[in-house]
mmCIF file of all heavy atoms, coordinates in Angstrom:
data_MODEL
# 
_entry.id   MODEL 
# 
loop_
_atom_site.group_PDB 
_atom_site.id 
_atom_site.type_symbol 
_atom_site.label_atom_id 
_atom_site.label_alt_id 
_atom_site.label_comp_id 
_atom_site.label_asym_id 
_atom_site.label_entity_id 
_atom_site.label_seq_id 
_atom_site.pdbx_PDB_ins_code 
_atom_site.Cartn_x 
_atom_site.Cartn_y 
_atom_site.Cartn_z 
_atom_site.occupancy 
_atom_site.B_iso_or_equiv 
_atom_site.pdbx_formal_charge 
_atom_site.auth_seq_id 
_atom_site.auth_comp_id 
_atom_site.auth_asym_id 
_atom_site.auth_atom_id 
_atom_site.pdbx_PDB_model_num 
ATOM 1   N N   . GLY A 1 1  ? 10.217 -5.365  9.200   1.00 0.00 ? 1  GLY A N   1 
ATOM 2   C CA  . GLY A 1 1  ? 10.144 -5.184  10.639  1.00 0.00 ? 1  GLY A CA  1 
ATOM 3   C C   . GLY A 1 1  ? 8.862  -5.664  11.265  1.00 0.00 ? 1  GLY A C   1 
ATOM 4   O O   . GLY A 1 1  ? 8.826  -5.972  12.463  1.00 0.00 ? 1  GLY A O   1 
ATOM 5   N N   . CYS A 1 2  ? 7.774  -5.733  10.490  1.00 0.00 ? 2  CYS A N   1 
ATOM 6   C CA  . CYS A 1 2  ? 6.505  -6.196  11.068  1.00 0.00 ? 2  CYS A CA  1 
ATOM 7   C C   . CYS A 1 2  ? 5.862  -7.284  10.219  1.00 0.00 ? 2  CYS A C   1 
ATOM 8   O O   . CYS A 1 2  ? 4.653  -7.540  10.339  1.00 0.00 ? 2  CYS A O   1 
ATOM 9   C CB  . CYS A 1 2  ? 5.545  -5.033  11.285  1.00 0.00 ? 2  CYS A CB  1 
ATOM 10  S SG  . CYS A 1 2  ? 5.355  -3.931  9.882   1.00 0.00 ? 2  CYS A SG  1 
ATOM 11  N N   . ASN A 1 3  ? 6.663  -7.919  9.340   1.00 0.00 ? 3  ASN A N   1 
ATOM 12  C CA  . ASN A 1 3  ? 6.201  -9.088  8.588   1.00 0.00 ? 3  ASN A CA  1 
ATOM 13  C C   . ASN A 1 3  ? 4.941  -8.806  7.775   1.00 0.00 ? 3  ASN A C   1 
ATOM 14  O O   . ASN A 1 3  ? 3.979  -9.583  7.774   1.00 0.00 ? 3  ASN A O   1 
ATOM 15  C CB  . ASN A 1 3  ? 5.951  -10.269 9.537   1.00 0.00 ? 3  ASN A CB  1 
ATOM 16  C CG  . ASN A 1 3  ? 7.161  -10.596 10.383  1.00 0.00 ? 3  ASN A CG  1 
ATOM 17  O OD1 . ASN A 1 3  ? 8.294  -10.450 9.922   1.00 0.00 ? 3  ASN A OD1 1 
ATOM 18  N ND2 . ASN A 1 3  ? 6.939  -11.027 11.613  1.00 0.00 ? 3  ASN A ND2 1 
ATOM 19  N N   . ASP A 1 4  ? 4.971  -7.673  7.074   1.00 0.00 ? 4  ASP A N   1 
ATOM 20  C CA  . ASP A 1 4  ? 3.823  -7.239  6.280   1.00 0.00 ? 4  ASP A CA  1 
ATOM 21  C C   . ASP A 1 4  ? 4.230  -6.877  4.864   1.00 0.00 ? 4  ASP A C   1 
ATOM 22  O O   . ASP A 1 4  ? 5.401  -6.588  4.580   1.00 0.00 ? 4  ASP A O   1 
ATOM 23  C CB  . ASP A 1 4  ? 3.162  -6.003  6.903   1.00 0.00 ? 4  ASP A CB  1 
ATOM 24  C CG  . ASP A 1 4  ? 2.331  -6.320  8.136   1.00 0.00 ? 4  ASP A CG  1 
ATOM 25  O OD1 . ASP A 1 4  ? 1.779  -7.429  8.199   1.00 0.00 ? 4  ASP A OD1 1 
ATOM 26  O OD2 . ASP A 1 4  ? 2.253  -5.465  9.028   1.00 0.00 ? 4  ASP A OD2 1 
ATOM 27  N N   . ILE A 1 5  ? 3.225  -6.853  3.996   1.00 0.00 ? 5  ILE A N   1 
ATOM 28  C CA  . ILE A 1 5  ? 3.333  -6.285  2.660   1.00 0.00 ? 5  ILE A CA  1 
ATOM 29  C C   . ILE A 1 5  ? 2.331  -5.137  2.584   1.00 0.00 ? 5  ILE A C   1 
ATOM 30  O O   . ILE A 1 5  ? 1.197  -5.263  3.045   1.00 0.00 ? 5  ILE A O   1 
ATOM 31  C CB  . ILE A 1 5  ? 2.997  -7.332  1.576   1.00 0.00 ? 5  ILE A CB  1 
ATOM 32  C CG1 . ILE A 1 5  ? 3.973  -8.516  1.660   1.00 0.00 ? 5  ILE A CG1 1 
ATOM 33  C CG2 . ILE A 1 5  ? 3.049  -6.712  0.176   1.00 0.00 ? 5  ILE A CG2 1 
ATOM 34  C CD1 . ILE A 1 5  ? 5.416  -8.169  1.428   1.00 0.00 ? 5  ILE A CD1 1 
ATOM 35  N N   . VAL A 1 6  ? 2.740  -4.017  1.997   1.00 0.00 ? 6  VAL A N   1 
ATOM 36  C CA  . VAL A 1 6  ? 1.809  -2.914  1.810   1.00 0.00 ? 6  VAL A CA  1 
ATOM 37  C C   . VAL A 1 6  ? 1.697  -2.595  0.320   1.00 0.00 ? 6  VAL A C   1 
ATOM 38  O O   . VAL A 1 6  ? 2.654  -2.769  -0.446  1.00 0.00 ? 6  VAL A O   1 
ATOM 39  C CB  . VAL A 1 6  ? 2.233  -1.644  2.585   1.00 0.00 ? 6  VAL A CB  1 
ATOM 40  C CG1 . VAL A 1 6  ? 2.146  -1.876  4.082   1.00 0.00 ? 6  VAL A CG1 1 
ATOM 41  C CG2 . VAL A 1 6  ? 3.629  -1.195  2.190   1.00 0.00 ? 6  VAL A CG2 1 
ATOM 42  N N   . LEU A 1 7  ? 0.501  -2.151  -0.083  1.00 0.00 ? 7  LEU A N   1 
ATOM 43  C CA  . LEU A 1 7  ? 0.240  -1.739  -1.457  1.00 0.00 ? 7  LEU A CA  1 
ATOM 44  C C   . LEU A 1 7  ? 0.221  -0.218  -1.501  1.00 0.00 ? 7  LEU A C   1 
ATOM 45  O O   . LEU A 1 7  ? -0.431 0.426   -0.676  1.00 0.00 ? 7  LEU A O   1 
ATOM 46  C CB  . LEU A 1 7  ? -1.097 -2.273  -1.957  1.00 0.00 ? 7  LEU A CB  1 
ATOM 47  C CG  . LEU A 1 7  ? -1.158 -3.714  -2.468  1.00 0.00 ? 7  LEU A CG  1 
ATOM 48  C CD1 . LEU A 1 7  ? -1.036 -4.689  -1.303  1.00 0.00 ? 7  LEU A CD1 1 
ATOM 49  C CD2 . LEU A 1 7  ? -2.454 -3.965  -3.222  1.00 0.00 ? 7  LEU A CD2 1 
ATOM 50  N N   . ILE A 1 8  ? 0.911  0.341   -2.484  1.00 0.00 ? 8  ILE A N   1 
ATOM 51  C CA  . ILE A 1 8  ? 0.983  1.792   -2.651  1.00 0.00 ? 8  ILE A CA  1 
ATOM 52  C C   . ILE A 1 8  ? 0.368  2.150   -4.001  1.00 0.00 ? 8  ILE A C   1 
ATOM 53  O O   . ILE A 1 8  ? 0.677  1.526   -5.029  1.00 0.00 ? 8  ILE A O   1 
ATOM 54  C CB  . ILE A 1 8  ? 2.441  2.297   -2.608  1.00 0.00 ? 8  ILE A CB  1 
ATOM 55  C CG1 . ILE A 1 8  ? 3.163  1.758   -1.368  1.00 0.00 ? 8  ILE A CG1 1 
ATOM 56  C CG2 . ILE A 1 8  ? 2.480  3.821   -2.657  1.00 0.00 ? 8  ILE A CG2 1 
ATOM 57  C CD1 . ILE A 1 8  ? 2.605  2.235   -0.061  1.00 0.00 ? 8  ILE A CD1 1 
ATOM 58  N N   . ASP A 1 9  ? -0.494 3.154   -4.009  1.00 0.00 ? 9  ASP A N   1 
ATOM 59  C CA  . ASP A 1 9  ? -1.087 3.643   -5.255  1.00 0.00 ? 9  ASP A CA  1 
ATOM 60  C C   . ASP A 1 9  ? -0.072 4.535   -5.957  1.00 0.00 ? 9  ASP A C   1 
ATOM 61  O O   . ASP A 1 9  ? 0.327  5.569   -5.441  1.00 0.00 ? 9  ASP A O   1 
ATOM 62  C CB  . ASP A 1 9  ? -2.355 4.440   -4.931  1.00 0.00 ? 9  ASP A CB  1 
ATOM 63  C CG  . ASP A 1 9  ? -3.116 4.873   -6.193  1.00 0.00 ? 9  ASP A CG  1 
ATOM 64  O OD1 . ASP A 1 9  ? -2.559 4.762   -7.298  1.00 0.00 ? 9  ASP A OD1 1 
ATOM 65  O OD2 . ASP A 1 9  ? -4.258 5.330   -6.047  1.00 0.00 ? 9  ASP A OD2 1 
ATOM 66  N N   . ILE A 1 10 ? 0.374  4.134   -7.151  1.00 0.00 ? 10 ILE A N   1 
ATOM 67  C CA  . ILE A 1 10 ? 1.304  4.960   -7.919  1.00 0.00 ? 10 ILE A CA  1 
ATOM 68  C C   . ILE A 1 10 ? 0.705  5.341   -9.277  1.00 0.00 ? 10 ILE A C   1 
ATOM 69  O O   . ILE A 1 10 ? 1.431  5.591   -10.246 1.00 0.00 ? 10 ILE A O   1 
ATOM 70  C CB  . ILE A 1 10 ? 2.686  4.288   -8.103  1.00 0.00 ? 10 ILE A CB  1 
ATOM 71  C CG1 . ILE A 1 10 ? 2.554  2.917   -8.778  1.00 0.00 ? 10 ILE A CG1 1 
ATOM 72  C CG2 . ILE A 1 10 ? 3.404  4.163   -6.773  1.00 0.00 ? 10 ILE A CG2 1 
ATOM 73  C CD1 . ILE A 1 10 ? 3.893  2.338   -9.219  1.00 0.00 ? 10 ILE A CD1 1 
ATOM 74  N N   . ASN A 1 11 ? -0.622 5.396   -9.316  1.00 0.00 ? 11 ASN A N   1 
ATOM 75  C CA  . ASN A 1 11 ? -1.311 5.850   -10.524 1.00 0.00 ? 11 ASN A CA  1 
ATOM 76  C C   . ASN A 1 11 ? -1.454 7.368   -10.453 1.00 0.00 ? 11 ASN A C   1 
ATOM 77  O O   . ASN A 1 11 ? -2.217 7.888   -9.627  1.00 0.00 ? 11 ASN A O   1 
ATOM 78  C CB  . ASN A 1 11 ? -2.688 5.207   -10.624 1.00 0.00 ? 11 ASN A CB  1 
ATOM 79  C CG  . ASN A 1 11 ? -3.392 5.531   -11.928 1.00 0.00 ? 11 ASN A CG  1 
ATOM 80  O OD1 . ASN A 1 11 ? -2.948 6.405   -12.688 1.00 0.00 ? 11 ASN A OD1 1 
ATOM 81  N ND2 . ASN A 1 11 ? -4.494 4.858   -12.204 1.00 0.00 ? 11 ASN A ND2 1 
ATOM 82  N N   . PRO A 1 12 ? -0.735 8.125   -11.305 1.00 0.00 ? 12 PRO A N   1 
ATOM 83  C CA  . PRO A 1 12 ? -0.786 9.591   -11.217 1.00 0.00 ? 12 PRO A CA  1 
ATOM 84  C C   . PRO A 1 12 ? -2.182 10.168  -11.414 1.00 0.00 ? 12 PRO A C   1 
ATOM 85  O O   . PRO A 1 12 ? -2.443 11.298  -11.007 1.00 0.00 ? 12 PRO A O   1 
ATOM 86  C CB  . PRO A 1 12 ? 0.154  10.043  -12.347 1.00 0.00 ? 12 PRO A CB  1 
ATOM 87  C CG  . PRO A 1 12 ? 1.032  8.878   -12.621 1.00 0.00 ? 12 PRO A CG  1 
ATOM 88  C CD  . PRO A 1 12 ? 0.194  7.666   -12.351 1.00 0.00 ? 12 PRO A CD  1 
ATOM 89  N N   . ALA A 1 13 ? -3.097 9.402   -12.013 1.00 0.00 ? 13 ALA A N   1 
ATOM 90  C CA  . ALA A 1 13 ? -4.445 9.903   -12.267 1.00 0.00 ? 13 ALA A CA  1 
ATOM 91  C C   . ALA A 1 13 ? -5.339 9.825   -11.036 1.00 0.00 ? 13 ALA A C   1 
ATOM 92  O O   . ALA A 1 13 ? -6.437 10.396  -11.032 1.00 0.00 ? 13 ALA A O   1 
ATOM 93  C CB  . ALA A 1 13 ? -5.086 9.119   -13.410 1.00 0.00 ? 13 ALA A CB  1 
ATOM 94  N N   . ASN A 1 14 ? -4.897 9.132   -9.990  1.00 0.00 ? 14 ASN A N   1 
ATOM 95  C CA  . ASN A 1 14 ? -5.735 8.928   -8.810  1.00 0.00 ? 14 ASN A CA  1 
ATOM 96  C C   . ASN A 1 14 ? -5.477 9.987   -7.749  1.00 0.00 ? 14 ASN A C   1 
ATOM 97  O O   . ASN A 1 14 ? -4.328 10.409  -7.536  1.00 0.00 ? 14 ASN A O   1 
ATOM 98  C CB  . ASN A 1 14 ? -5.487 7.547   -8.200  1.00 0.00 ? 14 ASN A CB  1 
ATOM 99  C CG  . ASN A 1 14 ? -6.020 6.430   -9.072  1.00 0.00 ? 14 ASN A CG  1 
ATOM 100 O OD1 . ASN A 1 14 ? -6.822 6.658   -9.978  1.00 0.00 ? 14 ASN A OD1 1 
ATOM 101 N ND2 . ASN A 1 14 ? -5.569 5.209   -8.819  1.00 0.00 ? 14 ASN A ND2 1 
ATOM 102 N N   . ALA A 1 15 ? -6.536 10.364  -7.046  1.00 0.00 ? 15 ALA A N   1 
ATOM 103 C CA  . ALA A 1 15 ? -6.393 11.305  -5.934  1.00 0.00 ? 15 ALA A CA  1 
ATOM 104 C C   . ALA A 1 15 ? -5.611 10.685  -4.788  1.00 0.00 ? 15 ALA A C   1 
ATOM 105 O O   . ALA A 1 15 ? -5.041 11.408  -3.962  1.00 0.00 ? 15 ALA A O   1 
ATOM 106 C CB  . ALA A 1 15 ? -7.776 11.746  -5.448  1.00 0.00 ? 15 ALA A CB  1 
ATOM 107 N N   . THR A 1 16 ? -5.559 9.344   -4.727  1.00 0.00 ? 16 THR A N   1 
ATOM 108 C CA  . THR A 1 16 ? -4.844 8.646   -3.657  1.00 0.00 ? 16 THR A CA  1 
ATOM 109 C C   . THR A 1 16 ? -3.396 8.329   -4.029  1.00 0.00 ? 16 THR A C   1 
ATOM 110 O O   . THR A 1 16 ? -2.738 7.529   -3.355  1.00 0.00 ? 16 THR A O   1 
ATOM 111 C CB  . THR A 1 16 ? -5.575 7.340   -3.305  1.00 0.00 ? 16 THR A CB  1 
ATOM 112 O OG1 . THR A 1 16 ? -5.766 6.568   -4.503  1.00 0.00 ? 16 THR A OG1 1 
ATOM 113 C CG2 . THR A 1 16 ? -6.926 7.636   -2.674  1.00 0.00 ? 16 THR A CG2 1 
ATOM 114 N N   . PHE A 1 17 ? -2.901 8.955   -5.093  1.00 0.00 ? 17 PHE A N   1 
ATOM 115 C CA  . PHE A 1 17 ? -1.523 8.719   -5.546  1.00 0.00 ? 17 PHE A CA  1 
ATOM 116 C C   . PHE A 1 17 ? -0.550 8.919   -4.383  1.00 0.00 ? 17 PHE A C   1 
ATOM 117 O O   . PHE A 1 17 ? -0.603 9.915   -3.664  1.00 0.00 ? 17 PHE A O   1 
ATOM 118 C CB  . PHE A 1 17 ? -1.172 9.688   -6.673  1.00 0.00 ? 17 PHE A CB  1 
ATOM 119 C CG  . PHE A 1 17 ? 0.257  9.626   -7.114  1.00 0.00 ? 17 PHE A CG  1 
ATOM 120 C CD1 . PHE A 1 17 ? 0.707  8.632   -7.961  1.00 0.00 ? 17 PHE A CD1 1 
ATOM 121 C CD2 . PHE A 1 17 ? 1.175  10.572  -6.677  1.00 0.00 ? 17 PHE A CD2 1 
ATOM 122 C CE1 . PHE A 1 17 ? 2.022  8.574   -8.380  1.00 0.00 ? 17 PHE A CE1 1 
ATOM 123 C CE2 . PHE A 1 17 ? 2.499  10.534  -7.085  1.00 0.00 ? 17 PHE A CE2 1 
ATOM 124 C CZ  . PHE A 1 17 ? 2.923  9.529   -7.941  1.00 0.00 ? 17 PHE A CZ  1 
ATOM 125 N N   . GLY A 1 18 ? 0.350  7.932   -4.209  1.00 0.00 ? 18 GLY A N   1 
ATOM 126 C CA  . GLY A 1 18 ? 1.345  8.019   -3.148  1.00 0.00 ? 18 GLY A CA  1 
ATOM 127 C C   . GLY A 1 18 ? 0.856  7.553   -1.797  1.00 0.00 ? 18 GLY A C   1 
ATOM 128 O O   . GLY A 1 18 ? 1.606  7.608   -0.813  1.00 0.00 ? 18 GLY A O   1 
ATOM 129 N N   . GLY A 1 19 ? -0.381 7.051   -1.725  1.00 0.00 ? 19 GLY A N   1 
ATOM 130 C CA  . GLY A 1 19 ? -0.937 6.597   -0.457  1.00 0.00 ? 19 GLY A CA  1 
ATOM 131 C C   . GLY A 1 19 ? -0.970 5.085   -0.357  1.00 0.00 ? 19 GLY A C   1 
ATOM 132 O O   . GLY A 1 19 ? -0.909 4.372   -1.355  1.00 0.00 ? 19 GLY A O   1 
ATOM 133 N N   . ILE A 1 20 ? -1.085 4.580   0.871   1.00 0.00 ? 20 ILE A N   1 
ATOM 134 C CA  . ILE A 1 20 ? -1.205 3.143   1.115   1.00 0.00 ? 20 ILE A CA  1 
ATOM 135 C C   . ILE A 1 20 ? -2.638 2.704   0.833   1.00 0.00 ? 20 ILE A C   1 
ATOM 136 O O   . ILE A 1 20 ? -3.596 3.343   1.270   1.00 0.00 ? 20 ILE A O   1 
ATOM 137 C CB  . ILE A 1 20 ? -0.809 2.801   2.561   1.00 0.00 ? 20 ILE A CB  1 
ATOM 138 C CG1 . ILE A 1 20 ? 0.676  3.133   2.793   1.00 0.00 ? 20 ILE A CG1 1 
ATOM 139 C CG2 . ILE A 1 20 ? -1.073 1.339   2.869   1.00 0.00 ? 20 ILE A CG2 1 
ATOM 140 C CD1 . ILE A 1 20 ? 1.136  2.923   4.220   1.00 0.00 ? 20 ILE A CD1 1 
ATOM 141 N N   . ILE A 1 21 ? -2.780 1.607   0.085   1.00 0.00 ? 21 ILE A N   1 
ATOM 142 C CA  . ILE A 1 21 ? -4.103 1.068   -0.257  1.00 0.00 ? 21 ILE A CA  1 
ATOM 143 C C   . ILE A 1 21 ? -4.480 -0.004  0.745   1.00 0.00 ? 21 ILE A C   1 
ATOM 144 O O   . ILE A 1 21 ? -3.782 -1.021  0.874   1.00 0.00 ? 21 ILE A O   1 
ATOM 145 C CB  . ILE A 1 21 ? -4.093 0.473   -1.682  1.00 0.00 ? 21 ILE A CB  1 
ATOM 146 C CG1 . ILE A 1 21 ? -3.642 1.515   -2.718  1.00 0.00 ? 21 ILE A CG1 1 
ATOM 147 C CG2 . ILE A 1 21 ? -5.464 -0.069  -2.045  1.00 0.00 ? 21 ILE A CG2 1 
ATOM 148 C CD1 . ILE A 1 21 ? -3.423 0.938   -4.094  1.00 0.00 ? 21 ILE A CD1 1 
ATOM 149 N N   . GLY A 1 22 ? -5.586 0.183   1.436   1.00 0.00 ? 22 GLY A N   1 
ATOM 150 C CA  . GLY A 1 22 ? -6.070 -0.830  2.364   1.00 0.00 ? 22 GLY A CA  1 
ATOM 151 C C   . GLY A 1 22 ? -5.139 -1.047  3.540   1.00 0.00 ? 22 GLY A C   1 
ATOM 152 O O   . GLY A 1 22 ? -4.303 -0.213  3.879   1.00 0.00 ? 22 GLY A O   1 
ATOM 153 N N   . LYS A 1 23 ? -5.290 -2.224  4.177   1.00 0.00 ? 23 LYS A N   1 
ATOM 154 C CA  . LYS A 1 23 ? -4.494 -2.575  5.341   1.00 0.00 ? 23 LYS A CA  1 
ATOM 155 C C   . LYS A 1 23 ? -3.289 -3.412  4.926   1.00 0.00 ? 23 LYS A C   1 
ATOM 156 O O   . LYS A 1 23 ? -3.303 -4.080  3.887   1.00 0.00 ? 23 LYS A O   1 
ATOM 157 C CB  . LYS A 1 23 ? -5.348 -3.352  6.349   1.00 0.00 ? 23 LYS A CB  1 
ATOM 158 C CG  . LYS A 1 23 ? -6.489 -2.541  6.949   1.00 0.00 ? 23 LYS A CG  1 
ATOM 159 C CD  . LYS A 1 23 ? -7.259 -3.374  7.963   1.00 0.00 ? 23 LYS A CD  1 
ATOM 160 C CE  . LYS A 1 23 ? -8.385 -2.556  8.586   1.00 0.00 ? 23 LYS A CE  1 
ATOM 161 N NZ  . LYS A 1 23 ? -9.150 -3.354  9.583   1.00 0.00 ? 23 LYS A NZ  1 
ATOM 162 N N   . PRO A 1 24 ? -2.219 -3.407  5.743   1.00 0.00 ? 24 PRO A N   1 
ATOM 163 C CA  . PRO A 1 24 ? -1.077 -4.276  5.453   1.00 0.00 ? 24 PRO A CA  1 
ATOM 164 C C   . PRO A 1 24 ? -1.494 -5.743  5.382   1.00 0.00 ? 24 PRO A C   1 
ATOM 165 O O   . PRO A 1 24 ? -2.438 -6.169  6.064   1.00 0.00 ? 24 PRO A O   1 
ATOM 166 C CB  . PRO A 1 24 ? -0.132 -4.011  6.630   1.00 0.00 ? 24 PRO A CB  1 
ATOM 167 C CG  . PRO A 1 24 ? -0.506 -2.653  7.134   1.00 0.00 ? 24 PRO A CG  1 
ATOM 168 C CD  . PRO A 1 24 ? -1.992 -2.555  6.931   1.00 0.00 ? 24 PRO A CD  1 
ATOM 169 N N   . ILE A 1 25 ? -0.794 -6.510  4.566   1.00 0.00 ? 25 ILE A N   1 
ATOM 170 C CA  . ILE A 1 25 ? -1.067 -7.940  4.386   1.00 0.00 ? 25 ILE A CA  1 
ATOM 171 C C   . ILE A 1 25 ? -0.020 -8.721  5.174   1.00 0.00 ? 25 ILE A C   1 
ATOM 172 O O   . ILE A 1 25 ? 1.178  -8.617  4.894   1.00 0.00 ? 25 ILE A O   1 
ATOM 173 C CB  . ILE A 1 25 ? -1.005 -8.327  2.903   1.00 0.00 ? 25 ILE A CB  1 
ATOM 174 C CG1 . ILE A 1 25 ? -1.974 -7.467  2.084   1.00 0.00 ? 25 ILE A CG1 1 
ATOM 175 C CG2 . ILE A 1 25 ? -1.321 -9.808  2.719   1.00 0.00 ? 25 ILE A CG2 1 
ATOM 176 C CD1 . ILE A 1 25 ? -1.738 -7.554  0.589   1.00 0.00 ? 25 ILE A CD1 1 
ATOM 177 N N   . GLY A 1 26 ? -0.455 -9.503  6.138   1.00 0.00 ? 26 GLY A N   1 
ATOM 178 C CA  . GLY A 1 26 ? 0.481  -10.295 6.926   1.00 0.00 ? 26 GLY A CA  1 
ATOM 179 C C   . GLY A 1 26 ? 1.042  -11.458 6.127   1.00 0.00 ? 26 GLY A C   1 
ATOM 180 O O   . GLY A 1 26 ? 0.307  -12.166 5.432   1.00 0.00 ? 26 GLY A O   1 
ATOM 181 N N   . VAL A 1 27 ? 2.368  -11.648 6.220   1.00 0.00 ? 27 VAL A N   1 
ATOM 182 C CA  . VAL A 1 27 ? 3.031  -12.745 5.512   1.00 0.00 ? 27 VAL A CA  1 
ATOM 183 C C   . VAL A 1 27 ? 3.906  -13.501 6.520   1.00 0.00 ? 27 VAL A C   1 
ATOM 184 O O   . VAL A 1 27 ? 3.604  -13.521 7.707   1.00 0.00 ? 27 VAL A O   1 
ATOM 185 C CB  . VAL A 1 27 ? 3.844  -12.226 4.305   1.00 0.00 ? 27 VAL A CB  1 
ATOM 186 C CG1 . VAL A 1 27 ? 2.910  -11.727 3.215   1.00 0.00 ? 27 VAL A CG1 1 
ATOM 187 C CG2 . VAL A 1 27 ? 4.814  -11.126 4.705   1.00 0.00 ? 27 VAL A CG2 1 
ATOM 188 N N   . GLY A 1 28 ? 4.986  -14.117 6.066   1.00 0.00 ? 28 GLY A N   1 
ATOM 189 C CA  . GLY A 1 28 ? 5.878  -14.857 6.956   1.00 0.00 ? 28 GLY A CA  1 
ATOM 190 C C   . GLY A 1 28 ? 6.857  -13.939 7.664   1.00 0.00 ? 28 GLY A C   1 
ATOM 191 O O   . GLY A 1 28 ? 6.717  -12.713 7.667   1.00 0.00 ? 28 GLY A O   1 
# 
């Protein structure tokens, strides 16, 4: 819907587990 890619932290050892990493990456 907004022509982006997002990175999600799925490392169970991290406090940021389940969160979006950084800003969305614009693509085509």
